[in-house]
Amino acid sequence: MCKSGSGYYRAWARCTNTTTKKATYRYGFWRGVGSIASNASCKKGERIVSSSKHAGITKTNYLPPY
């Protein structure tokens, strides 16, 4: 959760399919700073790589693109 500042943010995670090994990004919903948390999670059959560079937060000072 982003608790200060202005704009919007969303969580993201880089997930790898356990069968095909194909990587994809999963994104949480855009949220206004100070609102409820944004969550991103891998789908069934995927796993997140166990490194902090494969998950995080994207922030924008503008309205979300969707």
N, C-alpha and C. Protein backbone atom coordinates (compact mmCIF):
# COMPACT_ATOMS: atom_id res chain seq x y z
N MET A 1 0.85 -1.19 0.00
CA MET A 1 0.00 0.00 0.00
C MET A 1 0.89 1.23 0.00
N CYS A 2 0.55 2.19 -0.81
CA CYS A 2 1.26 3.46 -0.90
C CYS A 2 0.50 4.45 -0.01
N LYS A 3 1.15 4.95 1.06
CA LYS A 3 0.44 5.74 2.06
C LYS A 3 0.63 7.24 1.93
N SER A 4 1.57 7.70 1.13
CA SER A 4 1.77 9.15 1.05
C SER A 4 2.11 9.56 -0.38
N GLY A 5 2.05 10.84 -0.63
CA GLY A 5 2.31 11.36 -1.96
C GLY A 5 1.01 11.61 -2.69
N SER A 6 1.09 11.69 -3.99
CA SER A 6 -0.11 11.92 -4.79
C SER A 6 -0.10 10.98 -5.98
N GLY A 7 -1.23 10.87 -6.62
CA GLY A 7 -1.33 10.05 -7.82
C GLY A 7 -1.91 8.68 -7.55
N TYR A 8 -1.53 7.72 -8.37
CA TYR A 8 -2.06 6.37 -8.34
C TYR A 8 -0.91 5.37 -8.35
N TYR A 9 -1.19 4.16 -7.91
CA TYR A 9 -0.18 3.12 -7.93
C TYR A 9 -0.85 1.76 -8.15
N ARG A 10 -0.06 0.78 -8.56
CA ARG A 10 -0.55 -0.59 -8.65
C ARG A 10 0.63 -1.54 -8.42
N ALA A 11 0.31 -2.71 -7.89
CA ALA A 11 1.31 -3.74 -7.67
C ALA A 11 1.52 -4.53 -8.96
N TRP A 12 2.71 -5.11 -9.10
CA TRP A 12 2.97 -5.99 -10.23
C TRP A 12 3.87 -7.14 -9.79
N ALA A 13 3.78 -8.25 -10.52
CA ALA A 13 4.61 -9.42 -10.25
C ALA A 13 4.98 -10.08 -11.57
N ARG A 14 6.21 -10.54 -11.68
CA ARG A 14 6.65 -11.30 -12.86
C ARG A 14 6.50 -12.77 -12.52
N CYS A 15 5.66 -13.46 -13.27
CA CYS A 15 5.34 -14.86 -13.00
C CYS A 15 5.86 -15.75 -14.12
N THR A 16 6.25 -16.96 -13.76
CA THR A 16 6.75 -17.93 -14.73
C THR A 16 5.84 -19.15 -14.72
N ASN A 17 5.40 -19.57 -15.91
CA ASN A 17 4.59 -20.78 -16.04
C ASN A 17 5.47 -21.97 -15.69
N THR A 18 5.00 -22.82 -14.78
CA THR A 18 5.82 -23.93 -14.31
C THR A 18 6.03 -25.01 -15.37
N THR A 19 5.17 -25.06 -16.39
CA THR A 19 5.31 -26.05 -17.45
C THR A 19 6.12 -25.52 -18.63
N THR A 20 5.70 -24.37 -19.16
CA THR A 20 6.33 -23.83 -20.38
C THR A 20 7.52 -22.93 -20.09
N LYS A 21 7.67 -22.49 -18.84
CA LYS A 21 8.73 -21.57 -18.40
C LYS A 21 8.59 -20.17 -19.00
N LYS A 22 7.44 -19.89 -19.64
CA LYS A 22 7.18 -18.57 -20.22
C LYS A 22 6.88 -17.58 -19.09
N ALA A 23 7.52 -16.42 -19.16
CA ALA A 23 7.32 -15.39 -18.15
C ALA A 23 6.25 -14.40 -18.60
N THR A 24 5.47 -13.92 -17.66
CA THR A 24 4.45 -12.92 -17.93
C THR A 24 4.33 -12.01 -16.71
N TYR A 25 3.81 -10.83 -16.91
CA TYR A 25 3.59 -9.90 -15.80
C TYR A 25 2.12 -9.90 -15.42
N ARG A 26 1.86 -9.88 -14.13
CA ARG A 26 0.51 -9.78 -13.59
C ARG A 26 0.42 -8.46 -12.82
N TYR A 27 -0.68 -7.76 -13.00
CA TYR A 27 -0.84 -6.44 -12.40
C TYR A 27 -2.06 -6.37 -11.50
N GLY A 28 -1.95 -5.61 -10.42
CA GLY A 28 -3.08 -5.33 -9.56
C GLY A 28 -3.86 -4.15 -10.12
N PHE A 29 -4.97 -3.82 -9.48
CA PHE A 29 -5.77 -2.68 -9.89
C PHE A 29 -5.07 -1.38 -9.53
N TRP A 30 -5.26 -0.35 -10.34
CA TRP A 30 -4.78 0.99 -10.00
C TRP A 30 -5.55 1.47 -8.78
N ARG A 31 -4.86 2.06 -7.83
CA ARG A 31 -5.46 2.58 -6.60
C ARG A 31 -4.94 3.99 -6.36
N GLY A 32 -5.77 4.82 -5.77
CA GLY A 32 -5.33 6.15 -5.37
C GLY A 32 -4.44 6.04 -4.14
N VAL A 33 -3.41 6.88 -4.07
CA VAL A 33 -2.51 6.87 -2.92
C VAL A 33 -3.34 7.07 -1.65
N GLY A 34 -3.09 6.26 -0.65
CA GLY A 34 -3.81 6.33 0.62
C GLY A 34 -5.08 5.50 0.66
N SER A 35 -5.44 4.85 -0.46
CA SER A 35 -6.65 4.02 -0.46
C SER A 35 -6.27 2.58 -0.14
N ILE A 36 -7.17 1.65 -0.45
CA ILE A 36 -6.89 0.24 -0.16
C ILE A 36 -5.72 -0.27 -1.00
N ALA A 37 -5.15 -1.36 -0.57
CA ALA A 37 -3.96 -1.90 -1.22
C ALA A 37 -4.25 -2.48 -2.60
N SER A 38 -3.23 -2.43 -3.45
CA SER A 38 -3.26 -3.10 -4.74
C SER A 38 -2.49 -4.41 -4.58
N ASN A 39 -3.02 -5.48 -5.12
CA ASN A 39 -2.38 -6.79 -5.02
C ASN A 39 -2.16 -7.39 -6.40
N ALA A 40 -1.01 -8.00 -6.61
CA ALA A 40 -0.73 -8.73 -7.84
C ALA A 40 -0.30 -10.14 -7.45
N SER A 41 -0.88 -11.13 -8.10
CA SER A 41 -0.50 -12.50 -7.77
C SER A 41 -0.45 -13.35 -9.04
N CYS A 42 0.33 -14.39 -8.97
CA CYS A 42 0.45 -15.32 -10.09
C CYS A 42 -0.78 -16.21 -10.13
N LYS A 43 -1.09 -16.69 -11.32
CA LYS A 43 -2.23 -17.59 -11.50
C LYS A 43 -1.81 -19.03 -11.21
N LYS A 44 -2.81 -19.91 -11.16
CA LYS A 44 -2.54 -21.32 -10.95
C LYS A 44 -1.61 -21.83 -12.04
N GLY A 45 -0.60 -22.58 -11.67
CA GLY A 45 0.37 -23.08 -12.65
C GLY A 45 1.51 -22.13 -12.90
N GLU A 46 1.55 -21.02 -12.18
CA GLU A 46 2.63 -20.04 -12.30
C GLU A 46 3.29 -19.86 -10.94
N ARG A 47 4.49 -19.35 -10.95
CA ARG A 47 5.15 -19.00 -9.69
C ARG A 47 5.93 -17.72 -9.89
N ILE A 48 6.08 -16.98 -8.81
CA ILE A 48 6.87 -15.76 -8.86
C ILE A 48 8.33 -16.15 -8.61
N VAL A 49 9.22 -15.50 -9.32
CA VAL A 49 10.65 -15.75 -9.12
C VAL A 49 11.01 -15.17 -7.75
N SER A 50 11.79 -15.89 -6.98
CA SER A 50 12.09 -15.49 -5.61
C SER A 50 13.20 -14.44 -5.54
N SER A 51 12.94 -13.30 -6.13
CA SER A 51 13.87 -12.18 -6.09
C SER A 51 13.08 -10.89 -6.07
N SER A 52 13.52 -9.94 -5.28
CA SER A 52 12.77 -8.68 -5.13
C SER A 52 12.66 -7.90 -6.43
N LYS A 53 13.54 -8.12 -7.40
CA LYS A 53 13.44 -7.38 -8.66
C LYS A 53 12.31 -7.89 -9.55
N HIS A 54 11.60 -8.94 -9.12
CA HIS A 54 10.52 -9.51 -9.91
C HIS A 54 9.13 -9.18 -9.37
N ALA A 55 9.06 -8.20 -8.47
CA ALA A 55 7.78 -7.73 -7.96
C ALA A 55 7.97 -6.30 -7.47
N GLY A 56 6.91 -5.51 -7.50
CA GLY A 56 7.05 -4.15 -7.04
C GLY A 56 5.79 -3.33 -7.22
N ILE A 57 6.00 -2.03 -7.27
CA ILE A 57 4.92 -1.05 -7.38
C ILE A 57 5.22 -0.12 -8.54
N THR A 58 4.21 0.17 -9.34
CA THR A 58 4.30 1.19 -10.39
C THR A 58 3.46 2.37 -9.93
N LYS A 59 3.98 3.58 -10.04
CA LYS A 59 3.27 4.78 -9.59
C LYS A 59 3.16 5.79 -10.73
N THR A 60 2.05 6.51 -10.76
CA THR A 60 1.87 7.56 -11.75
C THR A 60 1.19 8.76 -11.08
N ASN A 61 1.49 9.94 -11.55
CA ASN A 61 0.82 11.14 -11.05
C ASN A 61 -0.38 11.51 -11.90
N TYR A 62 -0.68 10.68 -12.87
CA TYR A 62 -1.79 10.92 -13.78
C TYR A 62 -2.87 9.85 -13.56
N LEU A 63 -4.00 10.04 -14.15
CA LEU A 63 -5.05 9.04 -14.06
C LEU A 63 -4.58 7.74 -14.70
N PRO A 64 -4.98 6.60 -14.17
CA PRO A 64 -4.58 5.32 -14.75
C PRO A 64 -5.00 5.23 -16.21
N PRO A 65 -4.25 4.46 -17.00
CA PRO A 65 -4.57 4.35 -18.43
C PRO A 65 -5.83 3.58 -18.72
N TYR A 66 -6.39 2.87 -17.75
CA TYR A 66 -7.66 2.15 -17.95
C TYR A 66 -8.44 2.13 -16.68
